[in-house]
Amino acid sequence: MRSGAGPRPSPRSNQQQLAALLTHAHAHSPYYRQLYGALPQGVLDLRALPPVRKPELMARFDEWVTDPAVRLRGLSVLVADKERIGEEYLGRYLVATTSGSSGEPAILLQLVAGRILLAHTEGIREPLVSVVQALVLAQGRRI
């Protein structure tokens, strides 16, 4: 066990989470269904997934989110109003924006319930877990 952290997630557990996330993304996101459509069934290696860049995701935001209630237009209205900072979107998402230092600002969502989970797992994340958390945010659900 590493100092200051709990047990490492097992590779099998990570692969199961990744498989569940990919299945969910394929079922609920037109963008990811198209992007991952040609992949063989059961891909569990992140290196086999086509890369996705922030400018493309922001340009096709409404196509890749898996919660059909989430729409860029609604989020843009929320984040543009400084009086609404900290307000939950749709009563279940925390909203943040990036500065755009890479050339492309982004709007990020996190399930309110997921924030508690993230606070407890911060010290034990591995790179795959970070990717899984990012996909969870994109999918608007907890695994």
N, C-alpha and C. Protein backbone atom coordinates (compact mmCIF):
# COMPACT_ATOMS: atom_id res chain seq x y z
N MET A 1 0.85 -1.17 0.00
CA MET A 1 0.00 0.00 0.00
C MET A 1 0.90 1.24 0.00
N ARG A 2 0.51 2.26 -0.75
CA ARG A 2 1.27 3.49 -0.80
C ARG A 2 1.00 4.31 0.45
N SER A 3 1.98 5.12 0.86
CA SER A 3 1.77 5.91 2.06
C SER A 3 0.73 6.99 1.80
N GLY A 4 -0.15 7.20 2.78
CA GLY A 4 -1.14 8.25 2.69
C GLY A 4 -2.30 7.96 1.76
N ALA A 5 -2.41 6.74 1.30
CA ALA A 5 -3.51 6.43 0.38
C ALA A 5 -4.08 5.06 0.70
N GLY A 6 -5.27 4.85 0.25
CA GLY A 6 -5.91 3.55 0.40
C GLY A 6 -5.38 2.58 -0.64
N PRO A 7 -6.02 1.45 -0.75
CA PRO A 7 -5.57 0.45 -1.73
C PRO A 7 -5.76 0.95 -3.15
N ARG A 8 -4.88 0.49 -4.03
CA ARG A 8 -5.00 0.83 -5.45
C ARG A 8 -6.21 0.12 -6.04
N PRO A 9 -6.90 0.79 -6.96
CA PRO A 9 -7.97 0.08 -7.65
C PRO A 9 -7.37 -1.07 -8.45
N SER A 10 -8.04 -2.20 -8.48
CA SER A 10 -7.51 -3.33 -9.22
C SER A 10 -7.64 -3.07 -10.71
N PRO A 11 -6.70 -3.60 -11.52
CA PRO A 11 -6.82 -3.44 -12.97
C PRO A 11 -8.16 -3.97 -13.49
N ARG A 12 -8.64 -5.05 -12.90
CA ARG A 12 -9.93 -5.61 -13.33
C ARG A 12 -11.07 -4.62 -13.05
N SER A 13 -11.03 -4.01 -11.87
CA SER A 13 -12.05 -3.03 -11.51
C SER A 13 -12.00 -1.85 -12.47
N ASN A 14 -10.80 -1.36 -12.78
CA ASN A 14 -10.66 -0.26 -13.73
C ASN A 14 -11.20 -0.65 -15.10
N GLN A 15 -10.90 -1.86 -15.54
CA GLN A 15 -11.38 -2.31 -16.84
C GLN A 15 -12.89 -2.45 -16.85
N GLN A 16 -13.47 -2.91 -15.75
CA GLN A 16 -14.93 -3.02 -15.67
C GLN A 16 -15.57 -1.63 -15.72
N GLN A 17 -14.98 -0.67 -15.02
CA GLN A 17 -15.50 0.70 -15.05
C GLN A 17 -15.39 1.28 -16.45
N LEU A 18 -14.24 1.08 -17.09
CA LEU A 18 -14.06 1.59 -18.44
C LEU A 18 -15.05 0.94 -19.39
N ALA A 19 -15.25 -0.35 -19.29
CA ALA A 19 -16.22 -1.04 -20.15
C ALA A 19 -17.62 -0.49 -19.94
N ALA A 20 -18.00 -0.26 -18.70
CA ALA A 20 -19.33 0.29 -18.40
C ALA A 20 -19.48 1.70 -18.96
N LEU A 21 -18.43 2.50 -18.83
CA LEU A 21 -18.48 3.87 -19.35
C LEU A 21 -18.56 3.90 -20.87
N LEU A 22 -17.79 3.06 -21.52
CA LEU A 22 -17.83 3.01 -22.98
C LEU A 22 -19.19 2.52 -23.48
N THR A 23 -19.75 1.55 -22.79
CA THR A 23 -21.08 1.06 -23.15
C THR A 23 -22.11 2.17 -23.00
N HIS A 24 -22.03 2.89 -21.90
CA HIS A 24 -22.97 3.99 -21.67
C HIS A 24 -22.79 5.09 -22.72
N ALA A 25 -21.56 5.47 -22.99
CA ALA A 25 -21.30 6.51 -23.99
C ALA A 25 -21.83 6.09 -25.35
N HIS A 26 -21.62 4.85 -25.72
CA HIS A 26 -22.10 4.35 -27.02
C HIS A 26 -23.63 4.39 -27.08
N ALA A 27 -24.28 4.04 -25.99
CA ALA A 27 -25.74 3.99 -25.97
C ALA A 27 -26.40 5.36 -25.91
N HIS A 28 -25.72 6.35 -25.30
CA HIS A 28 -26.39 7.62 -25.01
C HIS A 28 -25.76 8.85 -25.67
N SER A 29 -24.69 8.69 -26.41
CA SER A 29 -24.03 9.84 -27.03
C SER A 29 -23.87 9.60 -28.53
N PRO A 30 -24.57 10.37 -29.35
CA PRO A 30 -24.39 10.21 -30.80
C PRO A 30 -22.94 10.41 -31.23
N TYR A 31 -22.27 11.36 -30.60
CA TYR A 31 -20.87 11.63 -30.95
C TYR A 31 -19.98 10.41 -30.67
N TYR A 32 -20.07 9.88 -29.46
CA TYR A 32 -19.23 8.74 -29.11
C TYR A 32 -19.65 7.47 -29.83
N ARG A 33 -20.93 7.33 -30.12
CA ARG A 33 -21.39 6.18 -30.91
C ARG A 33 -20.71 6.20 -32.28
N GLN A 34 -20.63 7.37 -32.89
CA GLN A 34 -19.97 7.51 -34.19
C GLN A 34 -18.46 7.31 -34.05
N LEU A 35 -17.86 7.97 -33.06
CA LEU A 35 -16.41 7.92 -32.89
C LEU A 35 -15.91 6.51 -32.56
N TYR A 36 -16.65 5.80 -31.72
CA TYR A 36 -16.22 4.48 -31.28
C TYR A 36 -16.90 3.34 -32.02
N GLY A 37 -17.72 3.66 -33.00
CA GLY A 37 -18.50 2.66 -33.71
C GLY A 37 -17.69 1.58 -34.39
N ALA A 38 -16.50 1.91 -34.87
CA ALA A 38 -15.69 0.94 -35.59
C ALA A 38 -14.77 0.14 -34.67
N LEU A 39 -14.76 0.46 -33.40
CA LEU A 39 -13.90 -0.27 -32.47
C LEU A 39 -14.42 -1.68 -32.26
N PRO A 40 -13.52 -2.64 -32.10
CA PRO A 40 -13.98 -4.00 -31.79
C PRO A 40 -14.67 -4.04 -30.43
N GLN A 41 -15.62 -4.93 -30.28
CA GLN A 41 -16.35 -5.11 -29.03
C GLN A 41 -15.36 -5.43 -27.91
N GLY A 42 -15.56 -4.83 -26.75
CA GLY A 42 -14.77 -5.18 -25.57
C GLY A 42 -13.41 -4.52 -25.48
N VAL A 43 -13.17 -3.42 -26.18
CA VAL A 43 -11.88 -2.73 -26.08
C VAL A 43 -11.72 -2.22 -24.65
N LEU A 44 -10.62 -2.58 -24.01
CA LEU A 44 -10.37 -2.16 -22.64
C LEU A 44 -9.01 -1.50 -22.49
N ASP A 45 -8.47 -1.01 -23.58
CA ASP A 45 -7.18 -0.33 -23.56
C ASP A 45 -7.40 1.10 -24.03
N LEU A 46 -7.15 2.06 -23.15
CA LEU A 46 -7.37 3.47 -23.50
C LEU A 46 -6.58 3.89 -24.74
N ARG A 47 -5.44 3.27 -24.96
CA ARG A 47 -4.62 3.64 -26.13
C ARG A 47 -5.29 3.27 -27.44
N ALA A 48 -6.28 2.39 -27.39
CA ALA A 48 -7.00 1.98 -28.60
C ALA A 48 -8.11 2.96 -28.96
N LEU A 49 -8.43 3.86 -28.05
CA LEU A 49 -9.51 4.82 -28.30
C LEU A 49 -8.99 6.01 -29.10
N PRO A 50 -9.76 6.47 -30.07
CA PRO A 50 -9.34 7.65 -30.82
C PRO A 50 -9.24 8.86 -29.89
N PRO A 51 -8.24 9.71 -30.08
CA PRO A 51 -8.11 10.90 -29.23
C PRO A 51 -9.26 11.87 -29.47
N VAL A 52 -9.59 12.60 -28.43
CA VAL A 52 -10.63 13.62 -28.51
C VAL A 52 -10.03 14.89 -27.93
N ARG A 53 -10.19 15.99 -28.65
CA ARG A 53 -9.63 17.26 -28.22
C ARG A 53 -10.74 18.23 -27.81
N LYS A 54 -10.39 19.12 -26.89
CA LYS A 54 -11.36 20.05 -26.34
C LYS A 54 -12.07 20.89 -27.41
N PRO A 55 -11.39 21.45 -28.42
CA PRO A 55 -12.12 22.25 -29.42
C PRO A 55 -13.23 21.45 -30.12
N GLU A 56 -12.96 20.19 -30.43
CA GLU A 56 -13.98 19.37 -31.09
C GLU A 56 -15.14 19.08 -30.14
N LEU A 57 -14.81 18.78 -28.88
CA LEU A 57 -15.87 18.52 -27.91
C LEU A 57 -16.75 19.75 -27.70
N MET A 58 -16.15 20.91 -27.59
CA MET A 58 -16.95 22.11 -27.37
C MET A 58 -17.78 22.44 -28.61
N ALA A 59 -17.25 22.19 -29.79
CA ALA A 59 -18.00 22.45 -31.03
C ALA A 59 -19.20 21.51 -31.17
N ARG A 60 -19.09 20.32 -30.60
CA ARG A 60 -20.16 19.30 -30.73
C ARG A 60 -20.73 18.92 -29.37
N PHE A 61 -20.74 19.88 -28.46
CA PHE A 61 -21.11 19.65 -27.06
C PHE A 61 -22.42 18.88 -26.92
N ASP A 62 -23.48 19.35 -27.57
CA ASP A 62 -24.79 18.72 -27.39
C ASP A 62 -24.85 17.30 -27.95
N GLU A 63 -23.89 16.93 -28.79
CA GLU A 63 -23.86 15.58 -29.36
C GLU A 63 -23.12 14.58 -28.48
N TRP A 64 -22.18 15.07 -27.66
CA TRP A 64 -21.40 14.10 -26.89
C TRP A 64 -21.89 13.92 -25.47
N VAL A 65 -22.56 14.91 -24.89
CA VAL A 65 -23.07 14.70 -23.53
C VAL A 65 -24.14 13.60 -23.57
N THR A 66 -24.21 12.82 -22.54
CA THR A 66 -25.13 11.68 -22.55
C THR A 66 -26.41 11.93 -21.77
N ASP A 67 -26.51 13.08 -21.14
CA ASP A 67 -27.76 13.47 -20.49
C ASP A 67 -28.46 14.41 -21.47
N PRO A 68 -29.55 13.99 -22.08
CA PRO A 68 -30.19 14.81 -23.10
C PRO A 68 -30.73 16.14 -22.58
N ALA A 69 -30.85 16.28 -21.26
CA ALA A 69 -31.31 17.55 -20.69
C ALA A 69 -30.19 18.60 -20.67
N VAL A 70 -28.95 18.17 -20.75
CA VAL A 70 -27.81 19.09 -20.72
C VAL A 70 -27.61 19.67 -22.12
N ARG A 71 -27.63 20.97 -22.20
CA ARG A 71 -27.43 21.65 -23.48
C ARG A 71 -26.51 22.84 -23.27
N LEU A 72 -25.62 23.04 -24.23
CA LEU A 72 -24.63 24.11 -24.15
C LEU A 72 -25.30 25.47 -24.02
N ARG A 73 -26.38 25.69 -24.71
CA ARG A 73 -27.06 26.98 -24.64
C ARG A 73 -27.49 27.30 -23.20
N GLY A 74 -28.10 26.34 -22.53
CA GLY A 74 -28.53 26.54 -21.15
C GLY A 74 -27.36 26.77 -20.21
N LEU A 75 -26.30 26.01 -20.43
CA LEU A 75 -25.10 26.18 -19.61
C LEU A 75 -24.48 27.55 -19.84
N SER A 76 -24.44 27.99 -21.09
CA SER A 76 -23.85 29.29 -21.42
C SER A 76 -24.61 30.42 -20.74
N VAL A 77 -25.94 30.32 -20.70
CA VAL A 77 -26.75 31.33 -20.00
C VAL A 77 -26.41 31.34 -18.51
N LEU A 78 -26.28 30.17 -17.94
CA LEU A 78 -25.98 30.06 -16.51
C LEU A 78 -24.62 30.68 -16.19
N VAL A 79 -23.58 30.30 -16.92
CA VAL A 79 -22.23 30.78 -16.59
C VAL A 79 -22.03 32.25 -16.95
N ALA A 80 -22.84 32.80 -17.82
CA ALA A 80 -22.71 34.21 -18.18
C ALA A 80 -23.26 35.13 -17.10
N ASP A 81 -24.10 34.60 -16.22
CA ASP A 81 -24.74 35.41 -15.19
C ASP A 81 -23.95 35.27 -13.88
N LYS A 82 -23.18 36.28 -13.54
CA LYS A 82 -22.32 36.22 -12.35
C LYS A 82 -23.13 36.09 -11.06
N GLU A 83 -24.40 36.49 -11.08
CA GLU A 83 -25.27 36.34 -9.92
C GLU A 83 -25.61 34.88 -9.65
N ARG A 84 -25.38 34.02 -10.63
CA ARG A 84 -25.76 32.60 -10.49
C ARG A 84 -24.57 31.69 -10.21
N ILE A 85 -23.41 32.29 -9.91
CA ILE A 85 -22.23 31.49 -9.59
C ILE A 85 -22.55 30.56 -8.42
N GLY A 86 -22.23 29.30 -8.58
CA GLY A 86 -22.49 28.30 -7.54
C GLY A 86 -23.85 27.64 -7.64
N GLU A 87 -24.71 28.14 -8.52
CA GLU A 87 -26.03 27.54 -8.70
C GLU A 87 -25.89 26.21 -9.44
N GLU A 88 -26.62 25.22 -8.99
CA GLU A 88 -26.59 23.92 -9.66
C GLU A 88 -27.35 24.01 -10.99
N TYR A 89 -26.84 23.35 -12.00
CA TYR A 89 -27.51 23.26 -13.29
C TYR A 89 -28.45 22.07 -13.25
N LEU A 90 -29.70 22.29 -13.59
CA LEU A 90 -30.74 21.26 -13.59
C LEU A 90 -30.91 20.60 -12.23
N GLY A 91 -30.46 21.27 -11.19
CA GLY A 91 -30.61 20.76 -9.84
C GLY A 91 -29.73 19.58 -9.49
N ARG A 92 -28.78 19.23 -10.38
CA ARG A 92 -27.93 18.07 -10.08
C ARG A 92 -26.48 18.19 -10.52
N TYR A 93 -26.11 19.27 -11.23
CA TYR A 93 -24.74 19.41 -11.70
C TYR A 93 -24.08 20.65 -11.14
N LEU A 94 -22.83 20.50 -10.72
CA LEU A 94 -21.99 21.65 -10.42
C LEU A 94 -21.35 22.06 -11.75
N VAL A 95 -21.20 23.35 -11.96
CA VAL A 95 -20.69 23.85 -13.23
C VAL A 95 -19.42 24.64 -12.98
N ALA A 96 -18.43 24.43 -13.83
CA ALA A 96 -17.19 25.20 -13.78
C ALA A 96 -16.78 25.53 -15.21
N THR A 97 -15.97 26.54 -15.34
CA THR A 97 -15.44 26.88 -16.66
C THR A 97 -13.92 26.90 -16.57
N THR A 98 -13.28 26.67 -17.70
CA THR A 98 -11.83 26.82 -17.76
C THR A 98 -11.53 28.19 -18.33
N SER A 99 -10.31 28.65 -18.11
CA SER A 99 -9.92 29.99 -18.55
C SER A 99 -9.70 30.06 -20.06
N GLY A 100 -9.47 28.93 -20.67
CA GLY A 100 -9.17 28.93 -22.10
C GLY A 100 -7.71 29.18 -22.39
N SER A 101 -6.84 28.93 -21.42
CA SER A 101 -5.41 29.19 -21.61
C SER A 101 -4.82 28.34 -22.74
N SER A 102 -5.48 27.24 -23.09
CA SER A 102 -5.01 26.40 -24.20
C SER A 102 -5.56 26.90 -25.53
N GLY A 103 -6.36 27.98 -25.47
CA GLY A 103 -6.94 28.51 -26.69
C GLY A 103 -8.41 28.18 -26.83
N GLU A 104 -8.92 27.32 -25.97
CA GLU A 104 -10.33 26.91 -26.05
C GLU A 104 -10.91 26.82 -24.64
N PRO A 105 -11.76 27.77 -24.24
CA PRO A 105 -12.42 27.62 -22.94
C PRO A 105 -13.38 26.43 -22.97
N ALA A 106 -13.67 25.90 -21.81
CA ALA A 106 -14.59 24.77 -21.72
C ALA A 106 -15.53 24.97 -20.55
N ILE A 107 -16.68 24.35 -20.65
CA ILE A 107 -17.63 24.27 -19.55
C ILE A 107 -17.61 22.83 -19.05
N LEU A 108 -17.43 22.67 -17.76
CA LEU A 108 -17.31 21.35 -17.15
C LEU A 108 -18.47 21.12 -16.19
N LEU A 109 -18.95 19.90 -16.16
CA LEU A 109 -20.03 19.51 -15.25
C LEU A 109 -19.57 18.40 -14.34
N GLN A 110 -20.12 18.42 -13.14
CA GLN A 110 -19.87 17.32 -12.21
C GLN A 110 -21.15 17.10 -11.43
N LEU A 111 -21.55 15.86 -11.31
CA LEU A 111 -22.71 15.55 -10.49
C LEU A 111 -22.45 16.00 -9.06
N VAL A 112 -23.44 16.62 -8.45
CA VAL A 112 -23.30 17.07 -7.07
C VAL A 112 -22.88 15.89 -6.21
N ALA A 113 -23.53 14.74 -6.38
CA ALA A 113 -23.20 13.55 -5.59
C ALA A 113 -21.78 13.09 -5.86
N GLY A 114 -21.30 13.28 -7.08
CA GLY A 114 -19.95 12.87 -7.43
C GLY A 114 -18.88 13.68 -6.75
N ARG A 115 -19.19 14.90 -6.37
CA ARG A 115 -18.21 15.75 -5.68
C ARG A 115 -17.80 15.12 -4.36
N ILE A 116 -18.75 14.53 -3.66
CA ILE A 116 -18.44 13.87 -2.39
C ILE A 116 -17.51 12.69 -2.65
N LEU A 117 -17.83 11.88 -3.66
CA LEU A 117 -16.98 10.74 -4.02
C LEU A 117 -15.59 11.20 -4.40
N LEU A 118 -15.47 12.24 -5.19
CA LEU A 118 -14.18 12.75 -5.63
C LEU A 118 -13.35 13.20 -4.44
N ALA A 119 -13.97 13.87 -3.48
CA ALA A 119 -13.25 14.33 -2.30
C ALA A 119 -12.64 13.16 -1.53
N HIS A 120 -13.31 12.03 -1.52
CA HIS A 120 -12.82 10.87 -0.79
C HIS A 120 -11.79 10.06 -1.58
N THR A 121 -11.77 10.20 -2.89
CA THR A 121 -10.85 9.40 -3.70
C THR A 121 -9.66 10.20 -4.20
N GLU A 122 -9.60 11.48 -3.90
CA GLU A 122 -8.54 12.35 -4.43
C GLU A 122 -7.15 11.78 -4.20
N GLY A 123 -6.90 11.19 -3.04
CA GLY A 123 -5.57 10.70 -2.73
C GLY A 123 -5.22 9.37 -3.36
N ILE A 124 -6.16 8.67 -3.98
CA ILE A 124 -5.85 7.33 -4.49
C ILE A 124 -6.02 7.22 -6.00
N ARG A 125 -6.24 8.35 -6.68
CA ARG A 125 -6.49 8.27 -8.12
C ARG A 125 -5.24 7.80 -8.87
N GLU A 126 -5.47 7.00 -9.86
CA GLU A 126 -4.47 6.57 -10.82
C GLU A 126 -4.87 7.21 -12.14
N PRO A 127 -3.99 7.23 -13.15
CA PRO A 127 -4.37 7.85 -14.43
C PRO A 127 -5.67 7.30 -15.01
N LEU A 128 -5.91 6.01 -14.94
CA LEU A 128 -7.14 5.45 -15.50
C LEU A 128 -8.34 5.95 -14.73
N VAL A 129 -8.21 6.03 -13.42
CA VAL A 129 -9.33 6.52 -12.61
C VAL A 129 -9.64 7.95 -13.00
N SER A 130 -8.62 8.78 -13.27
CA SER A 130 -8.84 10.16 -13.70
C SER A 130 -9.62 10.19 -15.01
N VAL A 131 -9.27 9.33 -15.93
CA VAL A 131 -10.00 9.25 -17.20
C VAL A 131 -11.43 8.80 -16.95
N VAL A 132 -11.60 7.81 -16.10
CA VAL A 132 -12.94 7.33 -15.78
C VAL A 132 -13.76 8.46 -15.17
N GLN A 133 -13.19 9.23 -14.27
CA GLN A 133 -13.91 10.34 -13.67
C GLN A 133 -14.29 11.37 -14.74
N ALA A 134 -13.40 11.64 -15.67
CA ALA A 134 -13.70 12.59 -16.74
C ALA A 134 -14.86 12.08 -17.59
N LEU A 135 -14.87 10.79 -17.88
CA LEU A 135 -15.97 10.23 -18.65
C LEU A 135 -17.27 10.26 -17.86
N VAL A 136 -17.18 10.03 -16.55
CA VAL A 136 -18.37 10.11 -15.72
C VAL A 136 -18.96 11.51 -15.80
N LEU A 137 -18.10 12.52 -15.73
CA LEU A 137 -18.59 13.89 -15.83
C LEU A 137 -19.25 14.12 -17.17
N ALA A 138 -18.63 13.60 -18.21
CA ALA A 138 -19.19 13.79 -19.55
C ALA A 138 -20.53 13.07 -19.68
N GLN A 139 -20.66 11.98 -18.97
CA GLN A 139 -21.87 11.17 -19.09
C GLN A 139 -22.95 11.58 -18.12
N GLY A 140 -22.61 12.37 -17.13
CA GLY A 140 -23.61 12.81 -16.18
C GLY A 140 -24.19 11.70 -15.33
N ARG A 141 -23.33 10.76 -14.95
CA ARG A 141 -23.84 9.68 -14.10
C ARG A 141 -22.70 9.13 -13.25
N ARG A 142 -23.05 8.42 -12.21
CA ARG A 142 -22.07 7.77 -11.34
C ARG A 142 -21.97 6.31 -11.70
N ILE A 143 -20.76 5.79 -11.66
CA ILE A 143 -20.53 4.36 -11.87
C ILE A 143 -20.05 3.78 -10.55
